Amino acid sequence: MKRMTAILALAAAFALPVTMISRAQAEPRREHHPEIHKAIAALEAAKHYMERADHDFHGHRVEALRATDEAIHQLRLAVESDKR
């Protein structure tokens, strides 16, 4: 009887986390502001491209990189401010 109780207790202990994991997978967490996160990713990709380009985009690269950094910064602030 003690052995059966111990086995059931172990089974319950292992089943609870699995149940919680499968429930979490079944209900994916919705990301707030997915379009803003996509914009940040796109801006970071563009920045990466501009930094490694062989040319300076007819003198516009420096200002474009500065504006891209500022845009990324502002978008991150916007997302962060909504968490408060």
C-alpha atoms as a PDB file:
ATOM      1  CA  MET A   1       0.000   0.000   0.000  1.00  0.00           C
ATOM      2  CA  LYS A   2       2.821   2.429   0.878  1.00  0.00           C
ATOM      3  CA  ARG A   3       4.508   1.597  -2.384  1.00  0.00           C
ATOM      4  CA  MET A   4       1.327   2.293  -4.367  1.00  0.00           C
ATOM      5  CA  THR A   5       0.863   5.625  -2.568  1.00  0.00           C
ATOM      6  CA  ALA A   6       4.457   6.571  -3.343  1.00  0.00           C
ATOM      7  CA  ILE A   7       4.038   5.629  -7.009  1.00  0.00           C
ATOM      8  CA  LEU A   8       0.824   7.662  -7.274  1.00  0.00           C
ATOM      9  CA  ALA A   9       2.487  10.640  -5.581  1.00  0.00           C
ATOM     10  CA  LEU A  10       5.411  10.481  -8.016  1.00  0.00           C
ATOM     11  CA  ALA A  11       3.077  10.132 -10.985  1.00  0.00           C
ATOM     12  CA  ALA A  12       1.102  13.170  -9.834  1.00  0.00           C
ATOM     13  CA  ALA A  13       4.277  15.178  -9.275  1.00  0.00           C
ATOM     14  CA  PHE A  14       5.478  14.455 -12.809  1.00  0.00           C
ATOM     15  CA  ALA A  15       2.061  14.906 -14.425  1.00  0.00           C
ATOM     16  CA  LEU A  16       1.485  18.426 -13.069  1.00  0.00           C
ATOM     17  CA  PRO A  17       4.405  20.103 -14.869  1.00  0.00           C
ATOM     18  CA  VAL A  18       3.592  18.233 -18.089  1.00  0.00           C
ATOM     19  CA  THR A  19      -0.026  19.392 -17.832  1.00  0.00           C
ATOM     20  CA  MET A  20       1.121  22.955 -17.231  1.00  0.00           C
ATOM     21  CA  ILE A  21       3.527  22.821 -20.186  1.00  0.00           C
ATOM     22  CA  SER A  22       0.950  21.383 -22.561  1.00  0.00           C
ATOM     23  CA  ARG A  23      -1.594  23.988 -21.445  1.00  0.00           C
ATOM     24  CA  ALA A  24       0.964  26.756 -22.041  1.00  0.00           C
ATOM     25  CA  GLN A  25       1.685  25.367 -25.496  1.00  0.00           C
ATOM     26  CA  ALA A  26      -2.009  25.131 -26.297  1.00  0.00           C
ATOM     27  CA  GLU A  27      -2.520  28.781 -25.358  1.00  0.00           C
ATOM     28  CA  PRO A  28       0.409  30.710 -26.835  1.00  0.00           C
ATOM     29  CA  ARG A  29       1.098  34.025 -25.180  1.00  0.00           C
ATOM     30  CA  ARG A  30       0.026  36.890 -27.375  1.00  0.00           C
ATOM     31  CA  GLU A  31       2.745  39.363 -28.102  1.00  0.00           C
ATOM     32  CA  HIS A  32       1.841  42.983 -27.498  1.00  0.00           C
ATOM     33  CA  HIS A  33       2.293  45.225 -30.525  1.00  0.00           C
ATOM     34  CA  PRO A  34       3.568  42.619 -33.004  1.00  0.00           C
ATOM     35  CA  GLU A  35       3.741  45.192 -35.803  1.00  0.00           C
ATOM     36  CA  ILE A  36       6.103  47.364 -33.771  1.00  0.00           C
ATOM     37  CA  HIS A  37       8.334  44.355 -33.058  1.00  0.00           C
ATOM     38  CA  LYS A  38       8.360  43.546 -36.786  1.00  0.00           C
ATOM     39  CA  ALA A  39       9.313  47.150 -37.554  1.00  0.00           C
ATOM     40  CA  ILE A  40      12.190  47.010 -35.063  1.00  0.00           C
ATOM     41  CA  ALA A  41      13.451  43.786 -36.652  1.00  0.00           C
ATOM     42  CA  ALA A  42      13.205  45.307 -40.138  1.00  0.00           C
ATOM     43  CA  LEU A  43      15.051  48.454 -39.052  1.00  0.00           C
ATOM     44  CA  GLU A  44      17.783  46.390 -37.403  1.00  0.00           C
ATOM     45  CA  ALA A  45      18.177  44.353 -40.614  1.00  0.00           C
ATOM     46  CA  ALA A  46      18.382  47.537 -42.705  1.00  0.00           C
ATOM     47  CA  LYS A  47      20.931  48.998 -40.295  1.00  0.00           C
ATOM     48  CA  HIS A  48      23.012  45.828 -40.502  1.00  0.00           C
ATOM     49  CA  TYR A  49      22.891  46.002 -44.301  1.00  0.00           C
ATOM     50  CA  MET A  50      23.832  49.697 -44.425  1.00  0.00           C
ATOM     51  CA  GLU A  51      26.749  49.197 -42.030  1.00  0.00           C
ATOM     52  CA  ARG A  52      28.257  46.519 -44.264  1.00  0.00           C
ATOM     53  CA  ALA A  53      27.459  48.050 -47.657  1.00  0.00           C
ATOM     54  CA  ASP A  54      30.327  48.815 -50.030  1.00  0.00           C
ATOM     55  CA  HIS A  55      29.044  52.338 -50.744  1.00  0.00           C
ATOM     56  CA  ASP A  56      27.736  55.262 -48.727  1.00  0.00           C
ATOM     57  CA  PHE A  57      24.395  55.687 -50.534  1.00  0.00           C
ATOM     58  CA  HIS A  58      25.530  58.981 -52.101  1.00  0.00           C
ATOM     59  CA  GLY A  59      26.358  60.479 -48.724  1.00  0.00           C
ATOM     60  CA  HIS A  60      23.144  59.407 -46.999  1.00  0.00           C
ATOM     61  CA  ARG A  61      24.445  56.433 -45.016  1.00  0.00           C
ATOM     62  CA  VAL A  62      25.560  58.336 -41.904  1.00  0.00           C
ATOM     63  CA  GLU A  63      22.254  60.185 -41.531  1.00  0.00           C
ATOM     64  CA  ALA A  64      20.245  57.067 -42.390  1.00  0.00           C
ATOM     65  CA  LEU A  65      22.061  55.095 -39.679  1.00  0.00           C
ATOM     66  CA  ARG A  66      21.461  57.879 -37.153  1.00  0.00           C
ATOM     67  CA  ALA A  67      17.759  58.062 -38.049  1.00  0.00           C
ATOM     68  CA  THR A  68      17.465  54.266 -37.912  1.00  0.00           C
ATOM     69  CA  ASP A  69      19.012  54.163 -34.439  1.00  0.00           C
ATOM     70  CA  GLU A  70      16.612  56.882 -33.280  1.00  0.00           C
ATOM     71  CA  ALA A  71      13.601  55.090 -34.777  1.00  0.00           C
ATOM     72  CA  ILE A  72      14.559  51.817 -33.088  1.00  0.00           C
ATOM     73  CA  HIS A  73      15.040  53.661 -29.804  1.00  0.00           C
ATOM     74  CA  GLN A  74      11.649  55.381 -30.028  1.00  0.00           C
ATOM     75  CA  LEU A  75       9.832  52.164 -30.935  1.00  0.00           C
ATOM     76  CA  ARG A  76      11.382  50.347 -27.983  1.00  0.00           C
ATOM     77  CA  LEU A  77      10.335  53.198 -25.699  1.00  0.00           C
ATOM     78  CA  ALA A  78       6.797  52.990 -27.067  1.00  0.00           C
ATOM     79  CA  VAL A  79       6.553  49.254 -26.355  1.00  0.00           C
ATOM     80  CA  GLU A  80       8.146  49.662 -22.916  1.00  0.00           C
ATOM     81  CA  SER A  81       5.807  52.504 -21.942  1.00  0.00           C
ATOM     82  CA  ASP A  82       2.808  50.273 -22.590  1.00  0.00           C
ATOM     83  CA  LYS A  83       4.069  47.720 -20.038  1.00  0.00           C
ATOM     84  CA  ARG A  84       3.884  50.190 -17.179  1.00  0.00           C
END
